[in-house]
Amino acid sequence: MNIISYLALPLMVITLVSCSKAPPVAVSECSTVVSHVKKVLKDHAPSKTKMLKQCKAATDEARGCIMAADKPMKILQCDF
């Protein structure tokens, strides 16, 4: 195996563990979650209506992951 294969698994595990430690966020906080996504993604954010629908369908853990994300790539790693 090459070195990339040895590095890929630990990096994936670190990514999953770091996101899983975010505190859960209740569905009642979806407006705050959507505002946070708009702040991070700026002009690349989907419509507010679409994000509210996704937020309400997401788990508390996924919403927590989103709130912990401070960069667009971190948002993409969340199961939102």
N, C-alpha and C. Protein backbone atom coordinates (compact mmCIF):
# COMPACT_ATOMS: atom_id res chain seq x y z
N MET A 1 0.84 -1.19 0.00
CA MET A 1 0.00 0.00 0.00
C MET A 1 0.88 1.25 0.00
N ASN A 2 0.37 2.26 -0.64
CA ASN A 2 1.14 3.49 -0.65
C ASN A 2 0.81 4.34 0.58
N ILE A 3 1.54 5.40 0.74
CA ILE A 3 1.39 6.24 1.94
C ILE A 3 0.02 6.92 2.00
N ILE A 4 -0.55 7.22 0.85
CA ILE A 4 -1.87 7.87 0.83
C ILE A 4 -2.92 6.96 1.44
N SER A 5 -2.84 5.68 1.17
CA SER A 5 -3.79 4.73 1.75
C SER A 5 -3.67 4.70 3.27
N TYR A 6 -2.46 4.79 3.77
CA TYR A 6 -2.25 4.78 5.22
C TYR A 6 -2.75 6.06 5.89
N LEU A 7 -2.71 7.16 5.17
CA LEU A 7 -3.15 8.43 5.73
C LEU A 7 -4.66 8.65 5.58
N ALA A 8 -5.26 8.06 4.57
CA ALA A 8 -6.68 8.32 4.29
C ALA A 8 -7.59 7.86 5.43
N LEU A 9 -7.41 6.66 5.92
CA LEU A 9 -8.28 6.14 6.97
C LEU A 9 -8.20 6.96 8.25
N PRO A 10 -7.01 7.25 8.77
CA PRO A 10 -6.97 8.08 9.98
C PRO A 10 -7.60 9.46 9.79
N LEU A 11 -7.41 10.06 8.62
CA LEU A 11 -8.00 11.37 8.36
C LEU A 11 -9.52 11.29 8.33
N MET A 12 -10.06 10.22 7.76
CA MET A 12 -11.51 10.05 7.73
C MET A 12 -12.04 9.86 9.14
N VAL A 13 -11.35 9.07 9.94
CA VAL A 13 -11.79 8.82 11.31
C VAL A 13 -11.74 10.11 12.13
N ILE A 14 -10.68 10.87 11.98
CA ILE A 14 -10.57 12.15 12.70
C ILE A 14 -11.70 13.08 12.30
N THR A 15 -12.02 13.13 11.01
CA THR A 15 -13.10 13.99 10.53
C THR A 15 -14.42 13.57 11.14
N LEU A 16 -14.72 12.28 11.14
CA LEU A 16 -15.98 11.81 11.69
C LEU A 16 -16.07 12.04 13.20
N VAL A 17 -14.99 11.80 13.89
CA VAL A 17 -14.99 11.97 15.34
C VAL A 17 -15.12 13.44 15.71
N SER A 18 -14.43 14.31 14.99
CA SER A 18 -14.49 15.73 15.33
C SER A 18 -15.89 16.28 15.12
N CYS A 19 -16.57 15.81 14.10
CA CYS A 19 -17.93 16.29 13.86
C CYS A 19 -18.91 15.64 14.83
N SER A 20 -18.66 14.43 15.24
CA SER A 20 -19.60 13.74 16.12
C SER A 20 -19.59 14.33 17.53
N LYS A 21 -18.59 15.13 17.86
CA LYS A 21 -18.51 15.72 19.19
C LYS A 21 -19.29 17.03 19.29
N ALA A 22 -19.85 17.49 18.20
CA ALA A 22 -20.63 18.72 18.23
C ALA A 22 -21.90 18.48 19.03
N PRO A 23 -22.29 19.43 19.86
CA PRO A 23 -23.52 19.25 20.64
C PRO A 23 -24.75 19.21 19.73
N PRO A 24 -25.72 18.36 20.03
CA PRO A 24 -26.93 18.27 19.20
C PRO A 24 -27.71 19.59 19.24
N VAL A 25 -28.38 19.87 18.14
CA VAL A 25 -29.19 21.10 18.03
C VAL A 25 -30.62 20.69 17.69
N ALA A 26 -31.56 21.19 18.45
CA ALA A 26 -32.98 20.83 18.27
C ALA A 26 -33.55 21.44 16.99
N VAL A 27 -34.61 20.81 16.49
CA VAL A 27 -35.27 21.27 15.27
C VAL A 27 -35.83 22.68 15.45
N SER A 28 -36.13 23.06 16.66
CA SER A 28 -36.66 24.41 16.92
C SER A 28 -35.62 25.50 16.63
N GLU A 29 -34.36 25.11 16.47
CA GLU A 29 -33.28 26.06 16.19
C GLU A 29 -32.94 26.14 14.71
N CYS A 30 -33.80 25.62 13.84
CA CYS A 30 -33.49 25.59 12.40
C CYS A 30 -33.23 26.97 11.81
N SER A 31 -33.93 27.98 12.27
CA SER A 31 -33.68 29.32 11.71
C SER A 31 -32.26 29.79 12.02
N THR A 32 -31.75 29.43 13.19
CA THR A 32 -30.38 29.76 13.56
C THR A 32 -29.39 28.96 12.71
N VAL A 33 -29.70 27.69 12.48
CA VAL A 33 -28.84 26.83 11.66
C VAL A 33 -28.77 27.39 10.23
N VAL A 34 -29.91 27.76 9.67
CA VAL A 34 -29.96 28.30 8.31
C VAL A 34 -29.16 29.60 8.23
N SER A 35 -29.30 30.46 9.21
CA SER A 35 -28.53 31.72 9.23
C SER A 35 -27.03 31.44 9.27
N HIS A 36 -26.64 30.43 10.04
CA HIS A 36 -25.22 30.07 10.13
C HIS A 36 -24.71 29.56 8.78
N VAL A 37 -25.49 28.72 8.11
CA VAL A 37 -25.08 28.20 6.80
C VAL A 37 -24.93 29.35 5.82
N LYS A 38 -25.88 30.27 5.81
CA LYS A 38 -25.80 31.43 4.91
C LYS A 38 -24.55 32.26 5.19
N LYS A 39 -24.20 32.40 6.46
CA LYS A 39 -23.00 33.16 6.84
C LYS A 39 -21.74 32.47 6.33
N VAL A 40 -21.69 31.15 6.45
CA VAL A 40 -20.49 30.41 6.04
C VAL A 40 -20.40 30.29 4.51
N LEU A 41 -21.52 29.96 3.86
CA LEU A 41 -21.50 29.72 2.41
C LEU A 41 -21.67 30.99 1.58
N LYS A 42 -22.14 32.03 2.19
CA LYS A 42 -22.38 33.32 1.52
C LYS A 42 -23.25 33.14 0.27
N ASP A 43 -22.76 33.58 -0.88
CA ASP A 43 -23.55 33.53 -2.12
C ASP A 43 -23.79 32.11 -2.64
N HIS A 44 -23.06 31.15 -2.11
CA HIS A 44 -23.19 29.76 -2.57
C HIS A 44 -24.25 28.98 -1.80
N ALA A 45 -24.88 29.61 -0.84
CA ALA A 45 -25.89 28.92 -0.02
C ALA A 45 -27.17 28.69 -0.83
N PRO A 46 -27.81 27.55 -0.63
CA PRO A 46 -29.11 27.29 -1.28
C PRO A 46 -30.16 28.26 -0.73
N SER A 47 -31.35 28.20 -1.28
CA SER A 47 -32.42 29.09 -0.82
C SER A 47 -32.78 28.78 0.63
N LYS A 48 -33.29 29.80 1.32
CA LYS A 48 -33.67 29.64 2.72
C LYS A 48 -34.76 28.58 2.88
N THR A 49 -35.72 28.56 1.95
CA THR A 49 -36.80 27.58 1.99
C THR A 49 -36.26 26.15 1.90
N LYS A 50 -35.34 25.94 0.97
CA LYS A 50 -34.75 24.61 0.78
C LYS A 50 -33.96 24.19 2.02
N MET A 51 -33.20 25.13 2.58
CA MET A 51 -32.40 24.80 3.76
C MET A 51 -33.28 24.53 4.98
N LEU A 52 -34.36 25.27 5.14
CA LEU A 52 -35.27 25.01 6.27
C LEU A 52 -35.87 23.62 6.17
N LYS A 53 -36.24 23.22 4.96
CA LYS A 53 -36.80 21.88 4.74
C LYS A 53 -35.76 20.82 5.10
N GLN A 54 -34.51 21.01 4.64
CA GLN A 54 -33.44 20.06 4.94
C GLN A 54 -33.16 20.03 6.44
N CYS A 55 -33.17 21.18 7.06
CA CYS A 55 -32.89 21.27 8.49
C CYS A 55 -33.92 20.51 9.31
N LYS A 56 -35.18 20.68 8.96
CA LYS A 56 -36.25 20.00 9.70
C LYS A 56 -36.20 18.49 9.52
N ALA A 57 -35.66 18.03 8.39
CA ALA A 57 -35.56 16.60 8.12
C ALA A 57 -34.29 15.99 8.73
N ALA A 58 -33.34 16.82 9.09
CA ALA A 58 -32.05 16.34 9.61
C ALA A 58 -32.16 15.91 11.07
N THR A 59 -31.15 15.19 11.52
CA THR A 59 -31.08 14.77 12.92
C THR A 59 -30.51 15.91 13.77
N ASP A 60 -30.70 15.81 15.07
CA ASP A 60 -30.12 16.80 15.99
C ASP A 60 -28.59 16.83 15.85
N GLU A 61 -28.00 15.66 15.65
CA GLU A 61 -26.54 15.57 15.51
C GLU A 61 -26.07 16.26 14.23
N ALA A 62 -26.81 16.09 13.14
CA ALA A 62 -26.44 16.73 11.87
C ALA A 62 -26.52 18.24 12.00
N ARG A 63 -27.57 18.73 12.66
CA ARG A 63 -27.69 20.17 12.88
C ARG A 63 -26.54 20.68 13.75
N GLY A 64 -26.15 19.90 14.75
CA GLY A 64 -25.01 20.26 15.59
C GLY A 64 -23.71 20.32 14.79
N CYS A 65 -23.55 19.38 13.90
CA CYS A 65 -22.38 19.34 13.03
C CYS A 65 -22.32 20.61 12.17
N ILE A 66 -23.46 21.01 11.63
CA ILE A 66 -23.53 22.22 10.81
C ILE A 66 -23.14 23.44 11.64
N MET A 67 -23.66 23.53 12.85
CA MET A 67 -23.37 24.69 13.70
C MET A 67 -21.89 24.74 14.10
N ALA A 68 -21.24 23.59 14.17
CA ALA A 68 -19.82 23.54 14.52
C ALA A 68 -18.92 23.85 13.33
N ALA A 69 -19.47 23.78 12.12
CA ALA A 69 -18.69 24.01 10.91
C ALA A 69 -18.43 25.50 10.72
N ASP A 70 -17.18 25.82 10.45
CA ASP A 70 -16.83 27.22 10.22
C ASP A 70 -16.29 27.47 8.81
N LYS A 71 -16.27 26.41 7.99
CA LYS A 71 -15.81 26.51 6.60
C LYS A 71 -16.73 25.69 5.72
N PRO A 72 -16.87 26.07 4.45
CA PRO A 72 -17.77 25.34 3.55
C PRO A 72 -17.48 23.84 3.47
N MET A 73 -16.22 23.44 3.44
CA MET A 73 -15.89 22.01 3.34
C MET A 73 -16.35 21.25 4.57
N LYS A 74 -16.34 21.89 5.72
CA LYS A 74 -16.81 21.23 6.94
C LYS A 74 -18.31 21.03 6.90
N ILE A 75 -19.03 21.97 6.31
CA ILE A 75 -20.48 21.82 6.17
C ILE A 75 -20.79 20.62 5.27
N LEU A 76 -20.00 20.47 4.22
CA LEU A 76 -20.23 19.35 3.29
C LEU A 76 -20.00 17.99 3.96
N GLN A 77 -19.23 17.96 5.03
CA GLN A 77 -18.97 16.70 5.73
C GLN A 77 -20.11 16.29 6.65
N CYS A 78 -21.04 17.19 6.90
CA CYS A 78 -22.17 16.89 7.78
C CYS A 78 -23.27 16.18 7.01
N ASP A 79 -23.99 15.32 7.68
CA ASP A 79 -25.10 14.57 7.07
C ASP A 79 -26.36 15.42 7.16
N PHE A 80 -26.42 16.46 6.33
CA PHE A 80 -27.51 17.44 6.40
C PHE A 80 -28.36 17.33 5.17
